Amino acid sequence: MKSRLVSEAGGQRTFVVVLDPGEEAFAALTAFAIDQGVDSASLTAIGAFERAIVGWFDPNAKT
């Protein structure tokens, strides 16, 4: 994984994170967030996955 801080303003930081081929995305991003002290975040992704399981949260049903 490679990462770079590209912007920091008003207490908000923007990083670009590039995962290595075959790297498990959730584990890598979780480790990155812990290492950088990220308490909350939004994520925008560009790229491809060999395989993915997608889930979502329904705020009305709280599930």
PDB file of N, CA and C in Angstrom:
ATOM      1  N   MET A   1       0.845  -1.172   0.000  1.00  0.00           N
ATOM      2  CA  MET A   1       0.000   0.000   0.000  1.00  0.00           C
ATOM      3  C   MET A   1       0.890   1.234   0.000  1.00  0.00           C
ATOM      4  N   LYS A   2       0.471   2.213  -0.759  1.00  0.00           N
ATOM      5  CA  LYS A   2       1.123   3.517  -0.769  1.00  0.00           C
ATOM      6  C   LYS A   2       0.075   4.555  -0.382  1.00  0.00           C
ATOM      7  N   SER A   3       0.511   5.599   0.309  1.00  0.00           N
ATOM      8  CA  SER A   3      -0.426   6.667   0.657  1.00  0.00           C
ATOM      9  C   SER A   3       0.285   8.008   0.630  1.00  0.00           C
ATOM     10  N   ARG A   4      -0.523   9.027   0.420  1.00  0.00           N
ATOM     11  CA  ARG A   4       0.020  10.394   0.407  1.00  0.00           C
ATOM     12  C   ARG A   4      -1.053  11.351   0.904  1.00  0.00           C
ATOM     13  N   LEU A   5      -0.667  12.257   1.798  1.00  0.00           N
ATOM     14  CA  LEU A   5      -1.548  13.336   2.244  1.00  0.00           C
ATOM     15  C   LEU A   5      -1.548  14.388   1.144  1.00  0.00           C
ATOM     16  N   VAL A   6      -2.723  14.682   0.590  1.00  0.00           N
ATOM     17  CA  VAL A   6      -2.788  15.632  -0.525  1.00  0.00           C
ATOM     18  C   VAL A   6      -3.408  16.968  -0.141  1.00  0.00           C
ATOM     19  N   SER A   7      -4.098  17.008   1.030  1.00  0.00           N
ATOM     20  CA  SER A   7      -4.712  18.262   1.452  1.00  0.00           C
ATOM     21  C   SER A   7      -4.956  18.218   2.948  1.00  0.00           C
ATOM     22  N   GLU A   8      -4.782  19.375   3.584  1.00  0.00           N
ATOM     23  CA  GLU A   8      -5.092  19.503   5.005  1.00  0.00           C
ATOM     24  C   GLU A   8      -5.564  20.925   5.254  1.00  0.00           C
ATOM     25  N   ALA A   9      -6.829  21.061   5.681  1.00  0.00           N
ATOM     26  CA  ALA A   9      -7.399  22.384   5.924  1.00  0.00           C
ATOM     27  C   ALA A   9      -8.567  22.257   6.890  1.00  0.00           C
ATOM     28  N   GLY A  10      -8.663  23.152   7.824  1.00  0.00           N
ATOM     29  CA  GLY A  10      -9.785  23.187   8.744  1.00  0.00           C
ATOM     30  C   GLY A  10      -9.952  21.916   9.558  1.00  0.00           C
ATOM     31  N   GLY A  11      -8.854  21.264   9.861  1.00  0.00           N
ATOM     32  CA  GLY A  11      -8.919  20.028  10.629  1.00  0.00           C
ATOM     33  C   GLY A  11      -9.281  18.798   9.818  1.00  0.00           C
ATOM     34  N   GLN A  12      -9.436  18.965   8.517  1.00  0.00           N
ATOM     35  CA  GLN A  12      -9.755  17.832   7.650  1.00  0.00           C
ATOM     36  C   GLN A  12      -8.550  17.497   6.782  1.00  0.00           C
ATOM     37  N   ARG A  13      -8.293  16.211   6.654  1.00  0.00           N
ATOM     38  CA  ARG A  13      -7.182  15.750   5.822  1.00  0.00           C
ATOM     39  C   ARG A  13      -7.719  14.888   4.687  1.00  0.00           C
ATOM     40  N   THR A  14      -7.098  14.998   3.534  1.00  0.00           N
ATOM     41  CA  THR A  14      -7.444  14.174   2.386  1.00  0.00           C
ATOM     42  C   THR A  14      -6.220  13.374   1.990  1.00  0.00           C
ATOM     43  N   PHE A  15      -6.388  12.061   1.926  1.00  0.00           N
ATOM     44  CA  PHE A  15      -5.315  11.158   1.543  1.00  0.00           C
ATOM     45  C   PHE A  15      -5.660  10.464   0.241  1.00  0.00           C
ATOM     46  N   VAL A  16      -4.646  10.120  -0.508  1.00  0.00           N
ATOM     47  CA  VAL A  16      -4.779   9.190  -1.618  1.00  0.00           C
ATOM     48  C   VAL A  16      -4.100   7.910  -1.154  1.00  0.00           C
ATOM     49  N   VAL A  17      -4.811   6.803  -1.256  1.00  0.00           N
ATOM     50  CA  VAL A  17      -4.284   5.506  -0.838  1.00  0.00           C
ATOM     51  C   VAL A  17      -4.370   4.570  -2.032  1.00  0.00           C
ATOM     52  N   VAL A  18      -3.260   3.943  -2.370  1.00  0.00           N
ATOM     53  CA  VAL A  18      -3.205   2.997  -3.488  1.00  0.00           C
ATOM     54  C   VAL A  18      -2.830   1.635  -2.908  1.00  0.00           C
ATOM     55  N   LEU A  19      -3.719   0.676  -3.090  1.00  0.00           N
ATOM     56  CA  LEU A  19      -3.473  -0.670  -2.591  1.00  0.00           C
ATOM     57  C   LEU A  19      -2.687  -1.476  -3.612  1.00  0.00           C
ATOM     58  N   ASP A  20      -1.929  -2.443  -3.115  1.00  0.00           N
ATOM     59  CA  ASP A  20      -1.179  -3.346  -3.981  1.00  0.00           C
ATOM     60  C   ASP A  20      -2.115  -4.414  -4.535  1.00  0.00           C
ATOM     61  N   PRO A  21      -1.819  -4.958  -5.710  1.00  0.00           N
ATOM     62  CA  PRO A  21      -2.643  -6.049  -6.248  1.00  0.00           C
ATOM     63  C   PRO A  21      -2.729  -7.197  -5.241  1.00  0.00           C
ATOM     64  N   GLY A  22      -3.957  -7.697  -5.040  1.00  0.00           N
ATOM     65  CA  GLY A  22      -4.160  -8.804  -4.122  1.00  0.00           C
ATOM     66  C   GLY A  22      -4.299  -8.410  -2.664  1.00  0.00           C
ATOM     67  N   GLU A  23      -4.034  -7.145  -2.342  1.00  0.00           N
ATOM     68  CA  GLU A  23      -4.139  -6.683  -0.955  1.00  0.00           C
ATOM     69  C   GLU A  23      -5.612  -6.620  -0.542  1.00  0.00           C
ATOM     70  N   GLU A  24      -5.908  -7.074   0.653  1.00  0.00           N
ATOM     71  CA  GLU A  24      -7.282  -7.083   1.154  1.00  0.00           C
ATOM     72  C   GLU A  24      -7.656  -5.659   1.548  1.00  0.00           C
ATOM     73  N   ALA A  25      -8.639  -5.086   0.861  1.00  0.00           N
ATOM     74  CA  ALA A  25      -8.952  -3.662   0.984  1.00  0.00           C
ATOM     75  C   ALA A  25      -9.393  -3.270   2.387  1.00  0.00           C
ATOM     76  N   PHE A  26     -10.334  -4.001   2.976  1.00  0.00           N
ATOM     77  CA  PHE A  26     -10.861  -3.609   4.281  1.00  0.00           C
ATOM     78  C   PHE A  26      -9.770  -3.635   5.352  1.00  0.00           C
ATOM     79  N   ALA A  27      -8.966  -4.680   5.367  1.00  0.00           N
ATOM     80  CA  ALA A  27      -7.894  -4.786   6.352  1.00  0.00           C
ATOM     81  C   ALA A  27      -6.857  -3.677   6.156  1.00  0.00           C
ATOM     82  N   ALA A  28      -6.499  -3.403   4.910  1.00  0.00           N
ATOM     83  CA  ALA A  28      -5.490  -2.374   4.635  1.00  0.00           C
ATOM     84  C   ALA A  28      -6.000  -0.987   5.014  1.00  0.00           C
ATOM     85  N   LEU A  29      -7.249  -0.673   4.671  1.00  0.00           N
ATOM     86  CA  LEU A  29      -7.790   0.646   4.997  1.00  0.00           C
ATOM     87  C   LEU A  29      -8.025   0.802   6.497  1.00  0.00           C
ATOM     88  N   THR A  30      -8.405  -0.272   7.179  1.00  0.00           N
ATOM     89  CA  THR A  30      -8.553  -0.223   8.631  1.00  0.00           C
ATOM     90  C   THR A  30      -7.210   0.051   9.291  1.00  0.00           C
ATOM     91  N   ALA A  31      -6.170  -0.647   8.869  1.00  0.00           N
ATOM     92  CA  ALA A  31      -4.832  -0.430   9.419  1.00  0.00           C
ATOM     93  C   ALA A  31      -4.353   0.997   9.136  1.00  0.00           C
ATOM     94  N   PHE A  32      -4.628   1.496   7.939  1.00  0.00           N
ATOM     95  CA  PHE A  32      -4.249   2.866   7.581  1.00  0.00           C
ATOM     96  C   PHE A  32      -4.953   3.875   8.491  1.00  0.00           C
ATOM     97  N   ALA A  33      -6.261   3.682   8.703  1.00  0.00           N
ATOM     98  CA  ALA A  33      -7.033   4.601   9.550  1.00  0.00           C
ATOM     99  C   ALA A  33      -6.508   4.603  10.979  1.00  0.00           C
ATOM    100  N   ILE A  34      -6.192   3.441  11.506  1.00  0.00           N
ATOM    101  CA  ILE A  34      -5.636   3.356  12.864  1.00  0.00           C
ATOM    102  C   ILE A  34      -4.285   4.065  12.922  1.00  0.00           C
ATOM    103  N   ASP A  35      -3.434   3.796  11.948  1.00  0.00           N
ATOM    104  CA  ASP A  35      -2.097   4.401  11.908  1.00  0.00           C
ATOM    105  C   ASP A  35      -2.158   5.924  11.820  1.00  0.00           C
ATOM    106  N   GLN A  36      -3.134   6.456  11.087  1.00  0.00           N
ATOM    107  CA  GLN A  36      -3.253   7.904  10.885  1.00  0.00           C
ATOM    108  C   GLN A  36      -4.147   8.577  11.927  1.00  0.00           C
ATOM    109  N   GLY A  37      -4.729   7.813  12.841  1.00  0.00           N
ATOM    110  CA  GLY A  37      -5.601   8.382  13.860  1.00  0.00           C
ATOM    111  C   GLY A  37      -6.905   8.914  13.294  1.00  0.00           C
ATOM    112  N   VAL A  38      -7.447   8.245  12.297  1.00  0.00           N
ATOM    113  CA  VAL A  38      -8.690   8.673  11.672  1.00  0.00           C
ATOM    114  C   VAL A  38      -9.863   8.192  12.530  1.00  0.00           C
ATOM    115  N   ASP A  39     -10.675   9.134  13.020  1.00  0.00           N
ATOM    116  CA  ASP A  39     -11.836   8.798  13.837  1.00  0.00           C
ATOM    117  C   ASP A  39     -13.106   8.647  13.009  1.00  0.00           C
ATOM    118  N   SER A  40     -13.214   9.406  11.928  1.00  0.00           N
ATOM    119  CA  SER A  40     -14.360   9.303  11.023  1.00  0.00           C
ATOM    120  C   SER A  40     -13.877   9.673   9.629  1.00  0.00           C
ATOM    121  N   ALA A  41     -14.572   9.164   8.623  1.00  0.00           N
ATOM    122  CA  ALA A  41     -14.094   9.391   7.257  1.00  0.00           C
ATOM    123  C   ALA A  41     -15.205   9.149   6.250  1.00  0.00           C
ATOM    124  N   SER A  42     -14.988   9.674   5.064  1.00  0.00           N
ATOM    125  CA  SER A  42     -15.778   9.276   3.906  1.00  0.00           C
ATOM    126  C   SER A  42     -14.792   8.698   2.905  1.00  0.00           C
ATOM    127  N   LEU A  43     -15.281   7.863   2.026  1.00  0.00           N
ATOM    128  CA  LEU A  43     -14.405   7.135   1.126  1.00  0.00           C
ATOM    129  C   LEU A  43     -14.932   7.235  -0.292  1.00  0.00           C
ATOM    130  N   THR A  44     -14.049   7.564  -1.209  1.00  0.00           N
ATOM    131  CA  THR A  44     -14.341   7.521  -2.633  1.00  0.00           C
ATOM    132  C   THR A  44     -13.313   6.599  -3.259  1.00  0.00           C
ATOM    133  N   ALA A  45     -13.775   5.648  -4.061  1.00  0.00           N
ATOM    134  CA  ALA A  45     -12.863   4.654  -4.617  1.00  0.00           C
ATOM    135  C   ALA A  45     -12.921   4.647  -6.142  1.00  0.00           C
ATOM    136  N   ILE A  46     -11.758   4.442  -6.717  1.00  0.00           N
ATOM    137  CA  ILE A  46     -11.629   4.263  -8.159  1.00  0.00           C
ATOM    138  C   ILE A  46     -10.773   3.020  -8.343  1.00  0.00           C
ATOM    139  N   GLY A  47     -11.184   2.138  -9.206  1.00  0.00           N
ATOM    140  CA  GLY A  47     -10.354   0.961  -9.441  1.00  0.00           C
ATOM    141  C   GLY A  47     -11.189  -0.282  -9.660  1.00  0.00           C
ATOM    142  N   ALA A  48     -10.561  -1.403  -9.411  1.00  0.00           N
ATOM    143  CA  ALA A  48     -11.211  -2.680  -9.654  1.00  0.00           C
ATOM    144  C   ALA A  48     -10.852  -3.660  -8.546  1.00  0.00           C
ATOM    145  N   PHE A  49     -11.722  -4.624  -8.365  1.00  0.00           N
ATOM    146  CA  PHE A  49     -11.485  -5.689  -7.410  1.00  0.00           C
ATOM    147  C   PHE A  49     -11.567  -7.020  -8.138  1.00  0.00           C
ATOM    148  N   GLU A  50     -10.771  -7.974  -7.707  1.00  0.00           N
ATOM    149  CA  GLU A  50     -10.907  -9.331  -8.209  1.00  0.00           C
ATOM    150  C   GLU A  50     -12.217  -9.927  -7.733  1.00  0.00           C
ATOM    151  N   ARG A  51     -12.548  -9.623  -6.470  1.00  0.00           N
ATOM    152  CA  ARG A  51     -13.735 -10.175  -5.830  1.00  0.00           C
ATOM    153  C   ARG A  51     -14.172  -9.202  -4.752  1.00  0.00           C
ATOM    154  N   ALA A  52     -15.474  -9.025  -4.563  1.00  0.00           N
ATOM    155  CA  ALA A  52     -15.948  -8.095  -3.541  1.00  0.00           C
ATOM    156  C   ALA A  52     -17.281  -8.562  -2.964  1.00  0.00           C
ATOM    157  N   ILE A  53     -17.457  -8.320  -1.676  1.00  0.00           N
ATOM    158  CA  ILE A  53     -18.744  -8.497  -1.007  1.00  0.00           C
ATOM    159  C   ILE A  53     -19.147  -7.111  -0.541  1.00  0.00           C
ATOM    160  N   VAL A  54     -20.329  -6.669  -0.949  1.00  0.00           N
ATOM    161  CA  VAL A  54     -20.768  -5.307  -0.670  1.00  0.00           C
ATOM    162  C   VAL A  54     -21.931  -5.351   0.315  1.00  0.00           C
ATOM    163  N   GLY A  55     -21.926  -4.440   1.279  1.00  0.00           N
ATOM    164  CA  GLY A  55     -23.018  -4.335   2.237  1.00  0.00           C
ATOM    165  C   GLY A  55     -23.365  -2.877   2.439  1.00  0.00           C
ATOM    166  N   TRP A  56     -24.494  -2.631   3.066  1.00  0.00           N
ATOM    167  CA  TRP A  56     -24.898  -1.259   3.330  1.00  0.00           C
ATOM    168  C   TRP A  56     -25.682  -1.210   4.626  1.00  0.00           C
ATOM    169  N   PHE A  57     -25.834  -0.026   5.163  1.00  0.00           N
ATOM    170  CA  PHE A  57     -26.569   0.204   6.400  1.00  0.00           C
ATOM    171  C   PHE A  57     -27.837   0.958   6.075  1.00  0.00           C
ATOM    172  N   ASP A  58     -28.961   0.461   6.572  1.00  0.00           N
ATOM    173  CA  ASP A  58     -30.252   1.132   6.400  1.00  0.00           C
ATOM    174  C   ASP A  58     -30.539   1.917   7.671  1.00  0.00           C
ATOM    175  N   PRO A  59     -30.393   3.259   7.638  1.00  0.00           N
ATOM    176  CA  PRO A  59     -30.571   4.046   8.865  1.00  0.00           C
ATOM    177  C   PRO A  59     -32.001   4.003   9.413  1.00  0.00           C
ATOM    178  N   ASN A  60     -33.003   3.831   8.551  1.00  0.00           N
ATOM    179  CA  ASN A  60     -34.390   3.756   9.015  1.00  0.00           C
ATOM    180  C   ASN A  60     -34.651   2.470   9.802  1.00  0.00           C
ATOM    181  N   ALA A  61     -34.139   1.364   9.286  1.00  0.00           N
ATOM    182  CA  ALA A  61     -34.329   0.074   9.942  1.00  0.00           C
ATOM    183  C   ALA A  61     -33.258  -0.199  10.997  1.00  0.00           C
ATOM    184  N   LYS A  62     -32.208   0.615  10.979  1.00  0.00           N
ATOM    185  CA  LYS A  62     -31.059   0.443  11.879  1.00  0.00           C
ATOM    186  C   LYS A  62     -30.441  -0.954  11.739  1.00  0.00           C
ATOM    187  N   THR A  63     -30.353  -1.408  10.504  1.00  0.00           N
ATOM    188  CA  THR A  63     -29.740  -2.706  10.212  1.00  0.00           C
ATOM    189  C   THR A  63     -28.746  -2.580   9.082  1.00  0.00           C
TER     190      THR A  63
END
